[in-house]
Amino acid sequence: METKRTAALIVALVMVFALSSVAFAAVASPTGSTVVQTSDNVRSVSTAPLPEAARIVLEQAANDFVAEEMGVDSVFEPLLAIYLAVQRSDNGAASITLNVAGVQIGDVVLVVIRNADGTIETVYAAVLENGVIELELEDFDGCDIVIGKIVPNGAAVSTNVAGSAVTMPMTGGGFSAAPMALLLVCCLAVMAVCGKALIKPE
């Protein structure tokens, strides 16, 4: 009898924790700036973290670009800041495919580049799949890069990701208590049913 009560308690606990893990599971997101693929004329690619001062300058350039092109209805949400150097076999344009956490299909991804001569340019990147973008530029030979996406103004909040201050989408705005209430009812029902086996018979 003692074995049945112990087994029932273990089953009840497992089911409660299983329900909780399903309710709070998060979708994995790619991280870092791993180079996924390059064009044939690329011999090697190296990346390094971008110094804070350079990141601030490029993020300001991105904000100015968005404000000028799209007005106050949109803002720049920075996702990644890196130094990128590419060695090519010719002087032609090169394409680099990178993992960038936070990018989703349908996002408008903006890339701000400061070349070795100090000039700053702004281009759009193609989103190949969730977390993967492709850059195609004329000059990759040692440049500071900030990558981000353009989002509606008011739809983002500041946070800190990968050691640099960035903006992340707001979550919880449409939160409903119904799923949590259902989870609680299910947990109580499981404990009630399995708990009967824990009651010592008269």
Protein backbone atom coordinates (compact mmCIF):
# COMPACT_ATOMS: atom_id res chain seq x y z
CA MET A 1 0.00 0.00 0.00
CA GLU A 2 2.88 2.32 0.85
CA THR A 3 4.33 1.71 -2.61
CA LYS A 4 1.06 2.74 -4.29
CA ARG A 5 0.89 5.96 -2.28
CA THR A 6 4.49 6.84 -3.14
CA ALA A 7 3.92 6.08 -6.82
CA ALA A 8 0.77 8.23 -6.87
CA LEU A 9 2.62 11.14 -5.29
CA ILE A 10 5.44 10.89 -7.84
CA VAL A 11 2.97 10.74 -10.75
CA ALA A 12 1.10 13.77 -9.42
CA LEU A 13 4.29 15.81 -9.10
CA VAL A 14 5.52 14.81 -12.56
CA MET A 15 2.21 15.80 -14.18
CA VAL A 16 2.10 19.15 -12.38
CA PHE A 17 5.65 20.04 -13.46
CA ALA A 18 4.99 18.77 -16.99
CA LEU A 19 1.97 21.05 -17.34
CA SER A 20 3.98 24.00 -16.04
CA SER A 21 6.85 23.40 -18.45
CA VAL A 22 4.47 23.27 -21.42
CA ALA A 23 2.76 26.49 -20.35
CA PHE A 24 5.99 28.43 -19.93
CA ALA A 25 8.08 26.94 -22.77
CA ALA A 26 9.94 29.51 -24.87
CA VAL A 27 10.87 29.28 -28.52
CA ALA A 28 14.63 29.05 -28.92
CA SER A 29 16.28 32.00 -30.66
CA PRO A 30 19.60 31.98 -32.50
CA THR A 31 22.37 33.91 -30.78
CA GLY A 32 25.60 35.60 -31.72
CA SER A 33 26.82 36.48 -35.18
CA THR A 34 27.84 33.15 -36.68
CA VAL A 35 28.71 33.34 -40.37
CA VAL A 36 26.41 30.88 -42.11
CA GLN A 37 27.49 31.27 -45.72
CA THR A 38 29.47 33.54 -48.05
CA SER A 39 29.70 34.20 -51.76
CA ASP A 40 32.34 32.31 -53.76
CA ASN A 41 34.74 35.26 -53.87
CA VAL A 42 35.09 35.38 -50.08
CA ARG A 43 38.29 33.78 -48.79
CA SER A 44 37.85 34.42 -45.08
CA VAL A 45 35.64 36.28 -42.63
CA SER A 46 36.49 37.50 -39.14
CA THR A 47 34.24 39.22 -36.61
CA ALA A 48 34.86 40.93 -33.28
CA PRO A 49 32.76 42.79 -30.71
CA LEU A 50 32.23 46.45 -31.55
CA PRO A 51 33.60 49.03 -29.08
CA GLU A 52 30.94 50.91 -27.16
CA ALA A 53 31.82 54.29 -28.67
CA ALA A 54 31.51 52.96 -32.22
CA ARG A 55 28.20 51.26 -31.42
CA ILE A 56 26.72 54.48 -30.06
CA VAL A 57 27.75 56.43 -33.16
CA LEU A 58 26.24 53.89 -35.56
CA GLU A 59 23.02 53.49 -33.59
CA GLN A 60 22.58 57.26 -33.67
CA ALA A 61 23.14 57.21 -37.43
CA ALA A 62 20.49 54.51 -37.73
CA ASN A 63 18.03 56.51 -35.63
CA ASP A 64 18.66 59.61 -37.76
CA PHE A 65 18.12 57.62 -40.95
CA VAL A 66 14.82 56.14 -39.76
CA ALA A 67 13.58 59.50 -38.50
CA GLU A 68 14.40 61.15 -41.83
CA GLU A 69 13.01 58.40 -44.03
CA MET A 70 9.99 57.27 -42.00
CA GLY A 71 9.22 60.02 -39.51
CA VAL A 72 8.22 59.55 -35.90
CA ASP A 73 6.04 56.50 -36.55
CA SER A 74 9.03 54.12 -36.70
CA VAL A 75 12.18 53.53 -34.65
CA PHE A 76 15.39 51.55 -35.04
CA GLU A 77 15.71 48.46 -32.83
CA PRO A 78 19.42 47.46 -32.65
CA LEU A 79 20.13 43.72 -32.48
CA LEU A 80 23.82 43.20 -33.21
CA ALA A 81 27.00 45.31 -33.21
CA ILE A 82 30.18 43.80 -34.68
CA TYR A 83 33.42 44.56 -36.47
CA LEU A 84 33.52 42.64 -39.74
CA ALA A 85 36.52 42.00 -41.97
CA VAL A 86 36.37 40.02 -45.20
CA GLN A 87 39.16 38.91 -47.49
CA ARG A 88 38.04 38.51 -51.11
CA SER A 89 39.62 36.93 -54.15
CA ASP A 90 38.57 39.89 -56.32
CA ASN A 91 37.22 43.41 -56.02
CA GLY A 92 33.64 42.43 -56.71
CA ALA A 93 30.72 42.70 -54.31
CA ALA A 94 30.53 40.02 -51.62
CA SER A 95 27.59 38.56 -49.75
CA ILE A 96 27.68 37.34 -46.16
CA THR A 97 24.94 35.38 -44.42
CA LEU A 98 24.80 35.87 -40.64
CA ASN A 99 22.82 34.58 -37.69
CA VAL A 100 21.18 37.53 -35.92
CA ALA A 101 19.01 36.85 -32.87
CA GLY A 102 15.64 38.58 -32.89
CA VAL A 103 15.15 38.74 -36.67
CA GLN A 104 11.94 37.25 -38.05
CA ILE A 105 10.68 36.73 -41.58
CA GLY A 106 8.87 39.89 -42.63
CA ASP A 107 11.09 42.24 -40.59
CA VAL A 108 12.65 45.28 -42.25
CA VAL A 109 16.33 44.89 -41.34
CA LEU A 110 18.61 47.92 -41.49
CA VAL A 111 22.41 47.74 -41.53
CA VAL A 112 24.59 50.74 -40.73
CA ILE A 113 28.22 50.43 -41.83
CA ARG A 114 31.23 52.60 -41.06
CA ASN A 115 33.95 51.81 -43.57
CA ALA A 116 37.69 52.01 -42.94
CA ASP A 117 37.78 55.55 -44.39
CA GLY A 118 35.19 56.72 -41.84
CA THR A 119 32.26 57.04 -44.24
CA ILE A 120 28.91 55.75 -42.97
CA GLU A 121 26.38 54.07 -45.23
CA THR A 122 22.98 52.53 -44.58
CA VAL A 123 21.62 49.52 -46.46
CA TYR A 124 18.82 47.01 -46.07
CA ALA A 125 19.51 43.31 -45.48
CA ALA A 126 17.48 40.40 -46.80
CA VAL A 127 15.86 38.11 -44.21
CA LEU A 128 16.37 34.56 -45.46
CA GLU A 129 14.69 32.87 -42.50
CA ASN A 130 14.06 33.52 -38.81
CA GLY A 131 17.37 34.59 -37.30
CA VAL A 132 19.27 34.63 -40.61
CA ILE A 133 20.06 37.65 -42.79
CA GLU A 134 22.15 38.27 -45.90
CA LEU A 135 24.32 41.34 -46.48
CA GLU A 136 25.58 42.29 -49.91
CA LEU A 137 28.08 45.14 -50.04
CA GLU A 138 30.81 46.51 -52.24
CA ASP A 139 33.32 46.96 -49.43
CA PHE A 140 33.69 44.52 -46.54
CA ASP A 141 37.38 45.17 -45.90
CA GLY A 142 37.24 46.02 -42.21
CA CYS A 143 34.10 47.87 -41.15
CA ASP A 144 32.02 48.58 -38.07
CA ILE A 145 28.46 47.30 -38.40
CA VAL A 146 25.26 47.72 -36.43
CA ILE A 147 22.31 45.56 -37.50
CA GLY A 148 18.75 46.11 -36.37
CA LYS A 149 15.17 46.21 -37.51
CA ILE A 150 12.67 48.99 -38.01
CA VAL A 151 9.63 48.71 -35.76
CA PRO A 152 6.59 50.90 -35.03
CA ASN A 153 7.30 53.63 -32.50
CA GLY A 154 6.20 52.58 -29.02
CA ALA A 155 6.46 48.85 -29.79
CA ALA A 156 9.87 48.40 -28.22
CA VAL A 157 11.53 48.78 -24.83
CA SER A 158 15.22 49.14 -23.98
CA THR A 159 17.10 46.18 -22.52
CA ASN A 160 20.59 44.69 -22.63
CA VAL A 161 21.52 41.79 -24.87
CA ALA A 162 24.97 40.31 -25.54
CA GLY A 163 26.75 43.07 -23.69
CA SER A 164 25.29 46.02 -25.55
CA ALA A 165 22.21 48.10 -24.92
CA VAL A 166 19.58 47.21 -27.49
CA THR A 167 15.84 47.40 -27.88
CA MET A 168 13.59 44.38 -27.63
CA PRO A 169 9.90 44.00 -28.50
CA MET A 170 7.45 44.54 -25.67
CA THR A 171 5.75 41.38 -24.45
CA GLY A 172 2.75 40.79 -22.26
CA GLY A 173 0.67 43.63 -23.68
CA GLY A 174 -2.09 41.23 -24.64
CA PHE A 175 -1.66 38.91 -21.67
CA SER A 176 -4.75 36.98 -20.64
CA ALA A 177 -5.29 35.27 -17.30
CA ALA A 178 -7.42 32.52 -18.86
CA PRO A 179 -4.54 30.14 -19.78
CA MET A 180 -3.07 30.47 -16.30
CA ALA A 181 -6.45 29.81 -14.69
CA LEU A 182 -6.88 26.71 -16.86
CA LEU A 183 -3.41 25.50 -15.89
CA LEU A 184 -4.21 25.97 -12.21
CA VAL A 185 -7.51 24.06 -12.52
CA CYS A 186 -5.74 21.18 -14.34
CA CYS A 187 -3.04 21.01 -11.67
CA LEU A 188 -5.62 20.94 -8.87
CA ALA A 189 -7.61 18.24 -10.66
CA VAL A 190 -4.51 16.07 -11.10
CA MET A 191 -3.58 16.47 -7.46
CA ALA A 192 -7.14 15.70 -6.33
CA VAL A 193 -7.40 12.51 -8.41
CA CYS A 194 -3.95 11.21 -7.54
CA GLY A 195 -4.25 12.39 -3.95
CA LYS A 196 -7.00 9.88 -3.22
CA ALA A 197 -4.41 7.12 -3.32
CA LEU A 198 -2.47 8.97 -0.62
CA ILE A 199 -5.33 8.85 1.87
CA LYS A 200 -4.86 5.96 4.26
CA PRO A 201 -7.98 3.79 4.31
CA GLU A 202 -9.90 3.56 7.61
